[in-house]
Amino acid sequence: MNFDTPIGPRAKDVLTFDFTNGLAAGEILSGTITVTVTLANGSAGKDKTPASLLNGIAQISADNKKVLVPVKGRTQGADYDIEVVAPTNNPQRVLTMVATLNCR
């Protein structure tokens, strides 16, 4: 997945990772969300601290089906892969999603 709109180097935004289609009937997101940021292909060396893209703690949305990730712009020309790991109320299911955000 890619976010359609790039983020500017000085911008702040909240990205939505929608897990609705991955949830079984009666399941919701529940527990501690983990977010990891790495440089995407072709961006090696452009940003020494890609985790600094994060601008706060990820939260589960009010409907318990989405994860909201606050971000801030970083290095212009870099592309960031953001992986979200989201546990569900089913202890045997943990969902993941990776999306690429471009900084332009």
PDB file of N, CA and C in Angstrom:
ATOM      1  N   MET A   1       0.852  -1.169   0.000  1.00  0.00           N
ATOM      2  CA  MET A   1       0.000   0.000   0.000  1.00  0.00           C
ATOM      3  C   MET A   1       0.900   1.235   0.000  1.00  0.00           C
ATOM      4  N   ASN A   2       0.486   2.233  -0.711  1.00  0.00           N
ATOM      5  CA  ASN A   2       1.166   3.528  -0.715  1.00  0.00           C
ATOM      6  C   ASN A   2       0.149   4.604  -0.371  1.00  0.00           C
ATOM      7  N   PHE A   3       0.605   5.612   0.359  1.00  0.00           N
ATOM      8  CA  PHE A   3      -0.253   6.766   0.588  1.00  0.00           C
ATOM      9  C   PHE A   3      -0.182   7.634  -0.658  1.00  0.00           C
ATOM     10  N   ASP A   4      -1.336   8.059  -1.167  1.00  0.00           N
ATOM     11  CA  ASP A   4      -1.409   8.801  -2.422  1.00  0.00           C
ATOM     12  C   ASP A   4      -0.771  10.178  -2.335  1.00  0.00           C
ATOM     13  N   THR A   5      -0.858  10.801  -1.183  1.00  0.00           N
ATOM     14  CA  THR A   5      -0.360  12.155  -1.028  1.00  0.00           C
ATOM     15  C   THR A   5       0.950  12.135  -0.251  1.00  0.00           C
ATOM     16  N   PRO A   6       2.028  12.656  -0.841  1.00  0.00           N
ATOM     17  CA  PRO A   6       3.288  12.717  -0.081  1.00  0.00           C
ATOM     18  C   PRO A   6       3.195  13.738   1.053  1.00  0.00           C
ATOM     19  N   ILE A   7       4.113  13.628   1.991  1.00  0.00           N
ATOM     20  CA  ILE A   7       4.174  14.587   3.086  1.00  0.00           C
ATOM     21  C   ILE A   7       5.334  15.544   2.823  1.00  0.00           C
ATOM     22  N   GLY A   8       5.132  16.814   3.103  1.00  0.00           N
ATOM     23  CA  GLY A   8       6.197  17.798   2.950  1.00  0.00           C
ATOM     24  C   GLY A   8       7.189  17.692   4.102  1.00  0.00           C
ATOM     25  N   PRO A   9       8.422  18.145   3.910  1.00  0.00           N
ATOM     26  CA  PRO A   9       9.440  18.035   4.951  1.00  0.00           C
ATOM     27  C   PRO A   9       9.077  18.721   6.265  1.00  0.00           C
ATOM     28  N   ARG A  10       8.190  19.723   6.227  1.00  0.00           N
ATOM     29  CA  ARG A  10       7.814  20.450   7.451  1.00  0.00           C
ATOM     30  C   ARG A  10       6.382  20.151   7.908  1.00  0.00           C
ATOM     31  N   ALA A  11       5.722  19.255   7.215  1.00  0.00           N
ATOM     32  CA  ALA A  11       4.313  18.964   7.495  1.00  0.00           C
ATOM     33  C   ALA A  11       4.140  18.000   8.661  1.00  0.00           C
ATOM     34  N   LYS A  12       2.932  18.010   9.224  1.00  0.00           N
ATOM     35  CA  LYS A  12       2.516  17.036  10.226  1.00  0.00           C
ATOM     36  C   LYS A  12       1.169  16.490   9.776  1.00  0.00           C
ATOM     37  N   ASP A  13       0.957  15.201  10.012  1.00  0.00           N
ATOM     38  CA  ASP A  13      -0.288  14.583   9.583  1.00  0.00           C
ATOM     39  C   ASP A  13      -0.553  13.345  10.430  1.00  0.00           C
ATOM     40  N   VAL A  14      -1.748  12.786  10.296  1.00  0.00           N
ATOM     41  CA  VAL A  14      -2.094  11.527  10.943  1.00  0.00           C
ATOM     42  C   VAL A  14      -2.501  10.560   9.836  1.00  0.00           C
ATOM     43  N   LEU A  15      -1.787   9.455   9.740  1.00  0.00           N
ATOM     44  CA  LEU A  15      -2.058   8.441   8.719  1.00  0.00           C
ATOM     45  C   LEU A  15      -3.029   7.406   9.276  1.00  0.00           C
ATOM     46  N   THR A  16      -3.936   6.936   8.426  1.00  0.00           N
ATOM     47  CA  THR A  16      -4.917   5.930   8.836  1.00  0.00           C
ATOM     48  C   THR A  16      -4.603   4.603   8.168  1.00  0.00           C
ATOM     49  N   PHE A  17      -4.411   3.582   8.980  1.00  0.00           N
ATOM     50  CA  PHE A  17      -4.235   2.220   8.510  1.00  0.00           C
ATOM     51  C   PHE A  17      -5.537   1.483   8.804  1.00  0.00           C
ATOM     52  N   ASP A  18      -6.279   1.135   7.764  1.00  0.00           N
ATOM     53  CA  ASP A  18      -7.619   0.567   7.911  1.00  0.00           C
ATOM     54  C   ASP A  18      -7.548  -0.964   7.854  1.00  0.00           C
ATOM     55  N   PHE A  19      -7.812  -1.611   8.976  1.00  0.00           N
ATOM     56  CA  PHE A  19      -7.764  -3.068   9.084  1.00  0.00           C
ATOM     57  C   PHE A  19      -9.143  -3.710   8.945  1.00  0.00           C
ATOM     58  N   THR A  20     -10.154  -2.950   8.604  1.00  0.00           N
ATOM     59  CA  THR A  20     -11.532  -3.432   8.560  1.00  0.00           C
ATOM     60  C   THR A  20     -11.663  -4.738   7.779  1.00  0.00           C
ATOM     61  N   ASN A  21     -11.084  -4.792   6.586  1.00  0.00           N
ATOM     62  CA  ASN A  21     -11.245  -5.975   5.738  1.00  0.00           C
ATOM     63  C   ASN A  21     -10.509  -7.203   6.270  1.00  0.00           C
ATOM     64  N   GLY A  22      -9.555  -7.022   7.162  1.00  0.00           N
ATOM     65  CA  GLY A  22      -8.816  -8.151   7.728  1.00  0.00           C
ATOM     66  C   GLY A  22      -9.410  -8.707   9.002  1.00  0.00           C
ATOM     67  N   LEU A  23     -10.411  -8.035   9.539  1.00  0.00           N
ATOM     68  CA  LEU A  23     -11.037  -8.475  10.789  1.00  0.00           C
ATOM     69  C   LEU A  23     -12.172  -9.453  10.519  1.00  0.00           C
ATOM     70  N   ALA A  24     -12.203 -10.529  11.267  1.00  0.00           N
ATOM     71  CA  ALA A  24     -13.308 -11.488  11.167  1.00  0.00           C
ATOM     72  C   ALA A  24     -14.519 -10.923  11.912  1.00  0.00           C
ATOM     73  N   ALA A  25     -15.666 -11.552  11.704  1.00  0.00           N
ATOM     74  CA  ALA A  25     -16.888 -11.123  12.381  1.00  0.00           C
ATOM     75  C   ALA A  25     -16.665 -11.130  13.888  1.00  0.00           C
ATOM     76  N   GLY A  26     -16.988 -10.029  14.552  1.00  0.00           N
ATOM     77  CA  GLY A  26     -16.850  -9.920  15.990  1.00  0.00           C
ATOM     78  C   GLY A  26     -15.460  -9.512  16.465  1.00  0.00           C
ATOM     79  N   GLU A  27     -14.485  -9.462  15.568  1.00  0.00           N
ATOM     80  CA  GLU A  27     -13.134  -9.059  15.959  1.00  0.00           C
ATOM     81  C   GLU A  27     -12.977  -7.550  15.923  1.00  0.00           C
ATOM     82  N   ILE A  28     -12.145  -7.056  16.824  1.00  0.00           N
ATOM     83  CA  ILE A  28     -11.751  -5.653  16.841  1.00  0.00           C
ATOM     84  C   ILE A  28     -10.263  -5.581  17.152  1.00  0.00           C
ATOM     85  N   LEU A  29      -9.651  -4.453  16.860  1.00  0.00           N
ATOM     86  CA  LEU A  29      -8.267  -4.237  17.252  1.00  0.00           C
ATOM     87  C   LEU A  29      -8.243  -3.993  18.752  1.00  0.00           C
ATOM     88  N   SER A  30      -7.255  -4.566  19.415  1.00  0.00           N
ATOM     89  CA  SER A  30      -7.200  -4.461  20.866  1.00  0.00           C
ATOM     90  C   SER A  30      -5.773  -4.715  21.329  1.00  0.00           C
ATOM     91  N   GLY A  31      -5.281  -3.890  22.224  1.00  0.00           N
ATOM     92  CA  GLY A  31      -3.944  -4.106  22.750  1.00  0.00           C
ATOM     93  C   GLY A  31      -2.970  -3.041  22.300  1.00  0.00           C
ATOM     94  N   THR A  32      -1.693  -3.362  22.413  1.00  0.00           N
ATOM     95  CA  THR A  32      -0.638  -2.406  22.117  1.00  0.00           C
ATOM     96  C   THR A  32      -0.224  -2.482  20.657  1.00  0.00           C
ATOM     97  N   ILE A  33      -0.276  -1.360  19.997  1.00  0.00           N
ATOM     98  CA  ILE A  33       0.119  -1.244  18.596  1.00  0.00           C
ATOM     99  C   ILE A  33       1.626  -1.037  18.521  1.00  0.00           C
ATOM    100  N   THR A  34       2.265  -1.688  17.556  1.00  0.00           N
ATOM    101  CA  THR A  34       3.692  -1.480  17.310  1.00  0.00           C
ATOM    102  C   THR A  34       3.859  -0.878  15.920  1.00  0.00           C
ATOM    103  N   VAL A  35       4.648   0.192  15.820  1.00  0.00           N
ATOM    104  CA  VAL A  35       4.906   0.843  14.533  1.00  0.00           C
ATOM    105  C   VAL A  35       6.415   0.884  14.317  1.00  0.00           C
ATOM    106  N   THR A  36       6.848   0.440  13.141  1.00  0.00           N
ATOM    107  CA  THR A  36       8.257   0.454  12.772  1.00  0.00           C
ATOM    108  C   THR A  36       8.413   1.226  11.471  1.00  0.00           C
ATOM    109  N   VAL A  37       9.408   2.106  11.416  1.00  0.00           N
ATOM    110  CA  VAL A  37       9.659   2.897  10.211  1.00  0.00           C
ATOM    111  C   VAL A  37      11.063   2.557   9.696  1.00  0.00           C
ATOM    112  N   THR A  38      11.143   2.244   8.405  1.00  0.00           N
ATOM    113  CA  THR A  38      12.423   2.013   7.738  1.00  0.00           C
ATOM    114  C   THR A  38      12.426   2.776   6.429  1.00  0.00           C
ATOM    115  N   LEU A  39      13.594   2.972   5.879  1.00  0.00           N
ATOM    116  CA  LEU A  39      13.684   3.602   4.561  1.00  0.00           C
ATOM    117  C   LEU A  39      13.300   2.595   3.497  1.00  0.00           C
ATOM    118  N   ALA A  40      12.496   3.045   2.543  1.00  0.00           N
ATOM    119  CA  ALA A  40      12.083   2.183   1.436  1.00  0.00           C
ATOM    120  C   ALA A  40      13.224   2.057   0.433  1.00  0.00           C
ATOM    121  N   ASN A  41      13.079   1.122  -0.470  1.00  0.00           N
ATOM    122  CA  ASN A  41      14.068   0.914  -1.529  1.00  0.00           C
ATOM    123  C   ASN A  41      14.450   2.220  -2.198  1.00  0.00           C
ATOM    124  N   GLY A  42      15.709   2.419  -2.447  1.00  0.00           N
ATOM    125  CA  GLY A  42      16.172   3.605  -3.154  1.00  0.00           C
ATOM    126  C   GLY A  42      16.392   4.818  -2.272  1.00  0.00           C
ATOM    127  N   SER A  43      16.087   4.707  -0.979  1.00  0.00           N
ATOM    128  CA  SER A  43      16.257   5.848  -0.084  1.00  0.00           C
ATOM    129  C   SER A  43      17.424   5.663   0.878  1.00  0.00           C
ATOM    130  N   ALA A  44      18.228   4.637   0.665  1.00  0.00           N
ATOM    131  CA  ALA A  44      19.338   4.342   1.581  1.00  0.00           C
ATOM    132  C   ALA A  44      20.238   5.561   1.751  1.00  0.00           C
ATOM    133  N   GLY A  45      20.558   5.864   2.990  1.00  0.00           N
ATOM    134  CA  GLY A  45      21.460   6.966   3.296  1.00  0.00           C
ATOM    135  C   GLY A  45      20.828   8.335   3.307  1.00  0.00           C
ATOM    136  N   LYS A  46      19.553   8.440   2.912  1.00  0.00           N
ATOM    137  CA  LYS A  46      18.915   9.758   2.863  1.00  0.00           C
ATOM    138  C   LYS A  46      18.464  10.242   4.236  1.00  0.00           C
ATOM    139  N   ASP A  47      18.259   9.326   5.174  1.00  0.00           N
ATOM    140  CA  ASP A  47      17.813   9.693   6.513  1.00  0.00           C
ATOM    141  C   ASP A  47      18.412   8.686   7.485  1.00  0.00           C
ATOM    142  N   LYS A  48      19.226   9.164   8.409  1.00  0.00           N
ATOM    143  CA  LYS A  48      19.901   8.281   9.360  1.00  0.00           C
ATOM    144  C   LYS A  48      18.981   7.830  10.500  1.00  0.00           C
ATOM    145  N   THR A  49      17.872   8.523  10.713  1.00  0.00           N
ATOM    146  CA  THR A  49      16.949   8.190  11.801  1.00  0.00           C
ATOM    147  C   THR A  49      15.507   8.133  11.295  1.00  0.00           C
ATOM    148  N   PRO A  50      15.162   7.143  10.470  1.00  0.00           N
ATOM    149  CA  PRO A  50      13.814   7.106   9.899  1.00  0.00           C
ATOM    150  C   PRO A  50      12.699   7.013  10.939  1.00  0.00           C
ATOM    151  N   ALA A  51      12.983   6.448  12.112  1.00  0.00           N
ATOM    152  CA  ALA A  51      11.948   6.360  13.149  1.00  0.00           C
ATOM    153  C   ALA A  51      11.499   7.738  13.623  1.00  0.00           C
ATOM    154  N   SER A  52      12.307   8.765  13.354  1.00  0.00           N
ATOM    155  CA  SER A  52      11.931  10.131  13.727  1.00  0.00           C
ATOM    156  C   SER A  52      10.771  10.660  12.901  1.00  0.00           C
ATOM    157  N   LEU A  53      10.335   9.901  11.909  1.00  0.00           N
ATOM    158  CA  LEU A  53       9.129  10.253  11.152  1.00  0.00           C
ATOM    159  C   LEU A  53       7.907  10.253  12.073  1.00  0.00           C
ATOM    160  N   LEU A  54       7.932   9.387  13.088  1.00  0.00           N
ATOM    161  CA  LEU A  54       6.795   9.284  14.005  1.00  0.00           C
ATOM    162  C   LEU A  54       6.695  10.540  14.861  1.00  0.00           C
ATOM    163  N   ASN A  55       5.466  10.991  15.070  1.00  0.00           N
ATOM    164  CA  ASN A  55       5.225  12.236  15.806  1.00  0.00           C
ATOM    165  C   ASN A  55       4.261  12.002  16.974  1.00  0.00           C
ATOM    166  N   GLY A  56       4.446  10.894  17.660  1.00  0.00           N
ATOM    167  CA  GLY A  56       3.566  10.547  18.766  1.00  0.00           C
ATOM    168  C   GLY A  56       3.265   9.066  18.749  1.00  0.00           C
ATOM    169  N   ILE A  57       2.335   8.673  19.585  1.00  0.00           N
ATOM    170  CA  ILE A  57       1.997   7.257  19.753  1.00  0.00           C
ATOM    171  C   ILE A  57       0.794   6.899  18.882  1.00  0.00           C
ATOM    172  N   ALA A  58       0.898   5.766  18.188  1.00  0.00           N
ATOM    173  CA  ALA A  58      -0.218   5.270  17.386  1.00  0.00           C
ATOM    174  C   ALA A  58      -1.389   4.915  18.303  1.00  0.00           C
ATOM    175  N   GLN A  59      -2.604   5.139  17.791  1.00  0.00           N
ATOM    176  CA  GLN A  59      -3.804   4.860  18.570  1.00  0.00           C
ATOM    177  C   GLN A  59      -4.808   4.087  17.734  1.00  0.00           C
ATOM    178  N   ILE A  60      -5.624   3.306  18.398  1.00  0.00           N
ATOM    179  CA  ILE A  60      -6.725   2.612  17.739  1.00  0.00           C
ATOM    180  C   ILE A  60      -7.887   3.593  17.617  1.00  0.00           C
ATOM    181  N   SER A  61      -8.541   3.610  16.465  1.00  0.00           N
ATOM    182  CA  SER A  61      -9.667   4.522  16.226  1.00  0.00           C
ATOM    183  C   SER A  61     -10.863   4.165  17.107  1.00  0.00           C
ATOM    184  N   ALA A  62     -11.821   5.064  17.163  1.00  0.00           N
ATOM    185  CA  ALA A  62     -13.008   4.885  17.999  1.00  0.00           C
ATOM    186  C   ALA A  62     -13.823   3.648  17.590  1.00  0.00           C
ATOM    187  N   ASP A  63     -13.779   3.274  16.299  1.00  0.00           N
ATOM    188  CA  ASP A  63     -14.528   2.094  15.860  1.00  0.00           C
ATOM    189  C   ASP A  63     -13.728   0.797  16.036  1.00  0.00           C
ATOM    190  N   ASN A  64     -12.499   0.891  16.568  1.00  0.00           N
ATOM    191  CA  ASN A  64     -11.640  -0.265  16.846  1.00  0.00           C
ATOM    192  C   ASN A  64     -11.279  -1.071  15.602  1.00  0.00           C
ATOM    193  N   LYS A  65     -11.238  -0.395  14.430  1.00  0.00           N
ATOM    194  CA  LYS A  65     -10.920  -1.090  13.179  1.00  0.00           C
ATOM    195  C   LYS A  65      -9.766  -0.458  12.421  1.00  0.00           C
ATOM    196  N   LYS A  66      -9.291   0.680  12.899  1.00  0.00           N
ATOM    197  CA  LYS A  66      -8.227   1.413  12.218  1.00  0.00           C
ATOM    198  C   LYS A  66      -7.155   1.806  13.223  1.00  0.00           C
ATOM    199  N   VAL A  67      -5.939   2.037  12.711  1.00  0.00           N
ATOM    200  CA  VAL A  67      -4.862   2.544  13.545  1.00  0.00           C
ATOM    201  C   VAL A  67      -4.472   3.911  13.011  1.00  0.00           C
ATOM    202  N   LEU A  68      -4.369   4.886  13.891  1.00  0.00           N
ATOM    203  CA  LEU A  68      -4.011   6.251  13.535  1.00  0.00           C
ATOM    204  C   LEU A  68      -2.563   6.484  13.951  1.00  0.00           C
ATOM    205  N   VAL A  69      -1.728   6.860  12.963  1.00  0.00           N
ATOM    206  CA  VAL A  69      -0.292   7.026  13.205  1.00  0.00           C
ATOM    207  C   VAL A  69       0.098   8.475  12.925  1.00  0.00           C
ATOM    208  N   PRO A  70       0.466   9.240  13.967  1.00  0.00           N
ATOM    209  CA  PRO A  70       0.895  10.619  13.743  1.00  0.00           C
ATOM    210  C   PRO A  70       2.329  10.652  13.195  1.00  0.00           C
ATOM    211  N   VAL A  71       2.529  11.450  12.145  1.00  0.00           N
ATOM    212  CA  VAL A  71       3.847  11.559  11.509  1.00  0.00           C
ATOM    213  C   VAL A  71       4.187  13.024  11.272  1.00  0.00           C
ATOM    214  N   LYS A  72       5.477  13.260  11.047  1.00  0.00           N
ATOM    215  CA  LYS A  72       5.939  14.589  10.650  1.00  0.00           C
ATOM    216  C   LYS A  72       6.919  14.399   9.509  1.00  0.00           C
ATOM    217  N   GLY A  73       6.994  15.400   8.658  1.00  0.00           N
ATOM    218  CA  GLY A  73       7.892  15.339   7.516  1.00  0.00           C
ATOM    219  C   GLY A  73       9.339  15.157   7.947  1.00  0.00           C
ATOM    220  N   ARG A  74      10.110  14.564   7.075  1.00  0.00           N
ATOM    221  CA  ARG A  74      11.524  14.312   7.367  1.00  0.00           C
ATOM    222  C   ARG A  74      12.356  14.764   6.172  1.00  0.00           C
ATOM    223  N   THR A  75      13.131  13.891   5.632  1.00  0.00           N
ATOM    224  CA  THR A  75      14.097  14.215   4.592  1.00  0.00           C
ATOM    225  C   THR A  75      13.441  14.229   3.215  1.00  0.00           C
ATOM    226  N   GLN A  76      13.509  15.363   2.561  1.00  0.00           N
ATOM    227  CA  GLN A  76      12.919  15.481   1.227  1.00  0.00           C
ATOM    228  C   GLN A  76      13.590  14.489   0.286  1.00  0.00           C
ATOM    229  N   GLY A  77      12.769  13.774  -0.474  1.00  0.00           N
ATOM    230  CA  GLY A  77      13.263  12.785  -1.419  1.00  0.00           C
ATOM    231  C   GLY A  77      13.345  11.379  -0.864  1.00  0.00           C
ATOM    232  N   ALA A  78      13.110  11.223   0.433  1.00  0.00           N
ATOM    233  CA  ALA A  78      13.143   9.892   1.043  1.00  0.00           C
ATOM    234  C   ALA A  78      11.748   9.269   1.024  1.00  0.00           C
ATOM    235  N   ASP A  79      11.722   7.957   0.915  1.00  0.00           N
ATOM    236  CA  ASP A  79      10.486   7.183   0.984  1.00  0.00           C
ATOM    237  C   ASP A  79      10.569   6.291   2.219  1.00  0.00           C
ATOM    238  N   TYR A  80       9.508   6.256   2.993  1.00  0.00           N
ATOM    239  CA  TYR A  80       9.495   5.548   4.261  1.00  0.00           C
ATOM    240  C   TYR A  80       8.482   4.407   4.228  1.00  0.00           C
ATOM    241  N   ASP A  81       8.913   3.204   4.628  1.00  0.00           N
ATOM    242  CA  ASP A  81       7.994   2.094   4.834  1.00  0.00           C
ATOM    243  C   ASP A  81       7.573   2.110   6.294  1.00  0.00           C
ATOM    244  N   ILE A  82       6.266   2.126   6.517  1.00  0.00           N
ATOM    245  CA  ILE A  82       5.716   2.155   7.870  1.00  0.00           C
ATOM    246  C   ILE A  82       4.960   0.846   8.073  1.00  0.00           C
ATOM    247  N   GLU A  83       5.430   0.047   9.040  1.00  0.00           N
ATOM    248  CA  GLU A  83       4.776  -1.217   9.357  1.00  0.00           C
ATOM    249  C   GLU A  83       4.006  -1.066  10.658  1.00  0.00           C
ATOM    250  N   VAL A  84       2.726  -1.433  10.617  1.00  0.00           N
ATOM    251  CA  VAL A  84       1.874  -1.394  11.797  1.00  0.00           C
ATOM    252  C   VAL A  84       1.497  -2.828  12.159  1.00  0.00           C
ATOM    253  N   VAL A  85       1.751  -3.205  13.403  1.00  0.00           N
ATOM    254  CA  VAL A  85       1.384  -4.519  13.920  1.00  0.00           C
ATOM    255  C   VAL A  85       0.275  -4.294  14.944  1.00  0.00           C
ATOM    256  N   ALA A  86      -0.880  -4.899  14.678  1.00  0.00           N
ATOM    257  CA  ALA A  86      -2.071  -4.622  15.482  1.00  0.00           C
ATOM    258  C   ALA A  86      -2.703  -5.913  16.004  1.00  0.00           C
ATOM    259  N   PRO A  87      -2.639  -6.143  17.320  1.00  0.00           N
ATOM    260  CA  PRO A  87      -3.318  -7.300  17.888  1.00  0.00           C
ATOM    261  C   PRO A  87      -4.835  -7.120  17.855  1.00  0.00           C
ATOM    262  N   THR A  88      -5.534  -8.228  17.880  1.00  0.00           N
ATOM    263  CA  THR A  88      -6.999  -8.204  17.909  1.00  0.00           C
ATOM    264  C   THR A  88      -7.480  -8.778  19.245  1.00  0.00           C
ATOM    265  N   ASN A  89      -8.789  -8.741  19.440  1.00  0.00           N
ATOM    266  CA  ASN A  89      -9.350  -9.340  20.644  1.00  0.00           C
ATOM    267  C   ASN A  89      -9.344 -10.868  20.578  1.00  0.00           C
ATOM    268  N   ASN A  90      -8.933 -11.425  19.462  1.00  0.00           N
ATOM    269  CA  ASN A  90      -8.714 -12.863  19.317  1.00  0.00           C
ATOM    270  C   ASN A  90      -7.224 -13.098  19.575  1.00  0.00           C
ATOM    271  N   PRO A  91      -6.844 -13.731  20.682  1.00  0.00           N
ATOM    272  CA  PRO A  91      -5.428 -13.861  21.033  1.00  0.00           C
ATOM    273  C   PRO A  91      -4.602 -14.618  19.994  1.00  0.00           C
ATOM    274  N   GLN A  92      -5.252 -15.288  19.073  1.00  0.00           N
ATOM    275  CA  GLN A  92      -4.523 -16.033  18.047  1.00  0.00           C
ATOM    276  C   GLN A  92      -4.383 -15.266  16.739  1.00  0.00           C
ATOM    277  N   ARG A  93      -4.809 -13.994  16.734  1.00  0.00           N
ATOM    278  CA  ARG A  93      -4.710 -13.201  15.503  1.00  0.00           C
ATOM    279  C   ARG A  93      -4.065 -11.846  15.775  1.00  0.00           C
ATOM    280  N   VAL A  94      -3.006 -11.586  15.039  1.00  0.00           N
ATOM    281  CA  VAL A  94      -2.345 -10.288  15.031  1.00  0.00           C
ATOM    282  C   VAL A  94      -2.228  -9.872  13.573  1.00  0.00           C
ATOM    283  N   LEU A  95      -2.693  -8.683  13.245  1.00  0.00           N
ATOM    284  CA  LEU A  95      -2.693  -8.206  11.866  1.00  0.00           C
ATOM    285  C   LEU A  95      -1.525  -7.259  11.634  1.00  0.00           C
ATOM    286  N   THR A  96      -1.018  -7.254  10.409  1.00  0.00           N
ATOM    287  CA  THR A  96       0.047  -6.319  10.049  1.00  0.00           C
ATOM    288  C   THR A  96      -0.296  -5.639   8.738  1.00  0.00           C
ATOM    289  N   MET A  97       0.230  -4.444   8.573  1.00  0.00           N
ATOM    290  CA  MET A  97       0.056  -3.698   7.337  1.00  0.00           C
ATOM    291  C   MET A  97       1.300  -2.843   7.139  1.00  0.00           C
ATOM    292  N   VAL A  98       1.782  -2.774   5.895  1.00  0.00           N
ATOM    293  CA  VAL A  98       2.921  -1.934   5.560  1.00  0.00           C
ATOM    294  C   VAL A  98       2.485  -0.963   4.474  1.00  0.00           C
ATOM    295  N   ALA A  99       2.844   0.295   4.643  1.00  0.00           N
ATOM    296  CA  ALA A  99       2.540   1.309   3.636  1.00  0.00           C
ATOM    297  C   ALA A  99       3.773   2.179   3.439  1.00  0.00           C
ATOM    298  N   THR A 100       3.888   2.724   2.245  1.00  0.00           N
ATOM    299  CA  THR A 100       5.004   3.611   1.919  1.00  0.00           C
ATOM    300  C   THR A 100       4.515   5.052   1.872  1.00  0.00           C
ATOM    301  N   LEU A 101       5.273   5.929   2.543  1.00  0.00           N
ATOM    302  CA  LEU A 101       4.978   7.361   2.547  1.00  0.00           C
ATOM    303  C   LEU A 101       6.179   8.080   1.930  1.00  0.00           C
ATOM    304  N   ASN A 102       5.906   8.904   0.950  1.00  0.00           N
ATOM    305  CA  ASN A 102       6.965   9.691   0.295  1.00  0.00           C
ATOM    306  C   ASN A 102       7.058  11.062   0.934  1.00  0.00           C
ATOM    307  N   CYS A 103       8.269  11.549   1.107  1.00  0.00           N
ATOM    308  CA  CYS A 103       8.489  12.901   1.628  1.00  0.00           C
ATOM    309  C   CYS A 103       8.970  13.760   0.474  1.00  0.00           C
ATOM    310  N   ARG A 104       8.167  14.700   0.060  1.00  0.00           N
ATOM    311  CA  ARG A 104       8.499  15.549  -1.088  1.00  0.00           C
ATOM    312  C   ARG A 104       8.415  16.974  -0.682  1.00  0.00           C
TER     313      ARG A 104
END
